[in-house]
Amino acid sequence: MIIKAYVLPHPPIILPEIGRGEEKKIKDTSAAFHRAAREIAELKPESIII
């Protein structure tokens, strides 16, 4: 059973090694990643499909 779905962009600059400071421009995106990770952890899903 699918209990939740997330759609998240994956800009390369989110990685500090690639963004080299530019990742600060996408701080809201980064915060959304962390929020989704917390929600998923709370759900304790048996499986995750990426």
Protein backbone atom coordinates (compact mmCIF):
# COMPACT_ATOMS: atom_id res chain seq x y z
CA MET A 1 0.00 0.00 0.00
CA ILE A 2 1.30 3.47 -0.88
CA ILE A 3 1.01 5.66 2.21
CA LYS A 4 2.71 8.82 0.97
CA ALA A 5 4.42 10.22 -2.12
CA TYR A 6 6.97 13.00 -2.54
CA VAL A 7 8.22 14.85 -5.60
CA LEU A 8 11.54 16.57 -4.99
CA PRO A 9 13.81 18.33 -7.48
CA HIS A 10 17.41 17.27 -7.51
CA PRO A 11 19.56 20.23 -8.53
CA PRO A 12 23.24 19.26 -8.65
CA ILE A 13 24.23 22.41 -6.74
CA ILE A 14 22.61 20.98 -3.61
CA LEU A 15 25.92 19.17 -3.05
CA PRO A 16 28.48 21.57 -1.55
CA GLU A 17 31.26 20.00 -3.64
CA ILE A 18 29.39 20.97 -6.80
CA GLY A 19 27.55 24.08 -5.62
CA ARG A 20 30.66 25.70 -4.13
CA GLY A 21 28.59 28.24 -2.24
CA GLU A 22 25.75 28.41 -4.76
CA GLU A 23 23.76 25.88 -2.72
CA LYS A 24 22.79 28.78 -0.45
CA LYS A 25 20.49 29.93 -3.25
CA ILE A 26 18.38 26.79 -2.87
CA LYS A 27 18.14 26.75 0.94
CA ASP A 28 14.34 26.30 0.76
CA THR A 29 14.81 23.22 -1.44
CA SER A 30 17.36 21.83 0.99
CA ALA A 31 14.98 22.47 3.89
CA ALA A 32 12.23 20.61 2.00
CA PHE A 33 14.55 17.61 1.58
CA HIS A 34 15.18 17.54 5.33
CA ARG A 35 11.47 17.95 6.11
CA ALA A 36 10.59 15.05 3.78
CA ALA A 37 13.31 12.91 5.36
CA ARG A 38 11.89 13.56 8.84
CA GLU A 39 8.36 12.73 7.68
CA ILE A 40 9.52 9.51 6.02
CA ALA A 41 11.43 8.50 9.15
CA GLU A 42 8.30 9.06 11.25
CA LEU A 43 6.24 6.89 8.90
CA LYS A 44 8.74 4.03 9.25
CA PRO A 45 7.93 2.60 5.82
CA GLU A 46 8.73 -1.01 5.04
CA SER A 47 9.93 -0.03 1.56
CA ILE A 48 10.86 3.16 -0.27
CA ILE A 49 10.66 3.43 -4.05
CA ILE A 50 12.81 6.10 -5.66
